[in-house]
Amino acid sequence: FPADMFANEEGGPEPDWVITEREQFSDFRDLNKDGKMDKEEIQHWILPQDYDHALAEARHLVYESDVDKDQKLTKEEVLDNWNMFVGSQATNYGEDLTRNHDEL
């Protein structure tokens, strides 16, 4: 799929991001090494079984809001960074379930 995002029309060297994407594809996404992604490989990529989305979001919120880096959030740190919390995917999760979706 990197060819869909980058066409090397000049024939020069590929950018680092293209090289990285090719490595990611061959090392982690194309699990059966057939050169393409099947339904199971796509599912594993989009919804990996070993990834905890809630924990990742919580860590992100603490990392971004914990000004004194003590791994604890004070009331002041939360209020000073309120936009991180109200714009968080974690706080929008239930709302996403009730919205009308054209694809459904």
Protein backbone atom coordinates (compact mmCIF):
# COMPACT_ATOMS: atom_id res chain seq x y z
CA PHE A 1 0.00 0.00 0.00
CA PRO A 2 2.90 2.52 0.25
CA ALA A 3 2.67 2.82 -3.53
CA ASP A 4 -0.84 4.25 -3.06
CA MET A 5 0.60 7.08 -0.94
CA PHE A 6 3.96 7.63 -2.63
CA ALA A 7 4.76 7.35 -6.31
CA ASN A 8 8.50 7.40 -6.90
CA GLU A 9 8.24 9.14 -10.26
CA GLU A 10 11.73 10.63 -10.07
CA GLY A 11 13.41 7.27 -9.54
CA GLY A 12 15.36 8.53 -6.53
CA PRO A 13 15.65 6.91 -3.13
CA GLU A 14 12.50 6.25 -1.16
CA PRO A 15 11.81 8.45 1.88
CA ASP A 16 12.38 6.94 5.31
CA TRP A 17 8.65 6.70 6.02
CA VAL A 18 8.12 4.49 2.95
CA ILE A 19 10.96 2.21 4.01
CA THR A 20 9.50 2.05 7.53
CA GLU A 21 6.03 1.21 6.18
CA ARG A 22 7.46 -1.58 4.02
CA GLU A 23 9.26 -3.01 7.06
CA GLN A 24 6.12 -2.74 9.20
CA PHE A 25 4.15 -4.57 6.53
CA SER A 26 6.62 -7.40 6.11
CA ASP A 27 7.51 -7.77 9.80
CA PHE A 28 4.16 -7.24 11.53
CA ARG A 29 1.17 -7.01 9.18
CA ASP A 30 1.71 -9.75 6.58
CA LEU A 31 1.63 -12.56 9.14
CA ASN A 32 1.48 -15.42 6.62
CA LYS A 33 4.12 -13.75 4.36
CA ASP A 34 2.06 -13.99 1.17
CA GLY A 35 2.63 -10.35 0.18
CA LYS A 36 -0.92 -9.19 0.88
CA MET A 37 -3.22 -8.74 3.84
CA ASP A 38 -6.18 -11.06 4.22
CA LYS A 39 -9.24 -10.46 6.40
CA GLU A 40 -7.65 -11.96 9.54
CA GLU A 41 -4.46 -9.90 9.13
CA ILE A 42 -6.46 -6.70 8.71
CA GLN A 43 -8.53 -7.53 11.78
CA HIS A 44 -5.36 -8.19 13.81
CA TRP A 45 -3.90 -4.87 12.61
CA ILE A 46 -6.98 -2.79 13.41
CA LEU A 47 -8.06 -4.59 16.60
CA PRO A 48 -4.98 -6.27 18.04
CA GLN A 49 -5.82 -8.73 20.80
CA ASP A 50 -2.88 -7.69 22.96
CA TYR A 51 -3.64 -3.94 23.01
CA ASP A 52 -5.68 -2.38 25.80
CA HIS A 53 -7.21 0.80 24.35
CA ALA A 54 -8.50 2.09 27.70
CA LEU A 55 -5.10 1.65 29.37
CA ALA A 56 -3.34 3.34 26.45
CA GLU A 57 -5.74 6.30 26.61
CA ALA A 58 -5.34 6.58 30.39
CA ARG A 59 -1.54 6.57 30.06
CA HIS A 60 -1.78 9.22 27.34
CA LEU A 61 -3.95 11.47 29.52
CA VAL A 62 -1.60 11.14 32.50
CA TYR A 63 1.50 11.67 30.35
CA GLU A 64 0.10 14.83 28.76
CA SER A 65 -1.44 16.31 31.92
CA ASP A 66 1.01 15.33 34.68
CA VAL A 67 3.05 18.55 34.78
CA ASP A 68 5.27 17.55 37.71
CA LYS A 69 5.74 14.00 36.30
CA ASP A 70 4.91 12.26 39.60
CA GLN A 71 2.55 9.79 37.84
CA LYS A 72 -0.40 11.28 39.73
CA LEU A 73 -2.90 13.86 38.61
CA THR A 74 -3.92 16.63 40.94
CA LYS A 75 -7.19 18.48 40.63
CA GLU A 76 -5.22 21.47 39.32
CA GLU A 77 -3.46 19.41 36.64
CA VAL A 78 -6.77 18.02 35.44
CA LEU A 79 -8.44 21.44 35.41
CA ASP A 80 -5.44 23.07 33.70
CA ASN A 81 -5.65 20.42 30.97
CA TRP A 82 -9.41 19.99 30.85
CA ASN A 83 -9.40 20.06 27.05
CA MET A 84 -7.33 16.84 27.01
CA PHE A 85 -10.11 15.10 28.95
CA VAL A 86 -13.20 16.46 27.22
CA GLY A 87 -11.63 15.77 23.84
CA SER A 88 -10.50 12.29 24.88
CA GLN A 89 -11.59 9.19 22.98
CA ALA A 90 -12.23 7.58 26.35
CA THR A 91 -14.85 10.18 27.30
CA ASN A 92 -16.46 10.04 23.84
CA TYR A 93 -16.74 6.25 23.69
CA GLY A 94 -20.40 5.94 24.66
CA GLU A 95 -21.37 8.89 22.51
CA ASP A 96 -19.91 7.19 19.45
CA LEU A 97 -22.25 4.25 19.96
CA THR A 98 -25.39 6.38 19.76
CA ARG A 99 -24.53 8.49 16.72
CA ASN A 100 -26.11 7.76 13.37
CA HIS A 101 -23.59 6.20 11.03
CA ASP A 102 -24.11 6.05 7.27
CA GLU A 103 -21.98 2.93 7.03
CA LEU A 104 -24.33 1.03 9.33
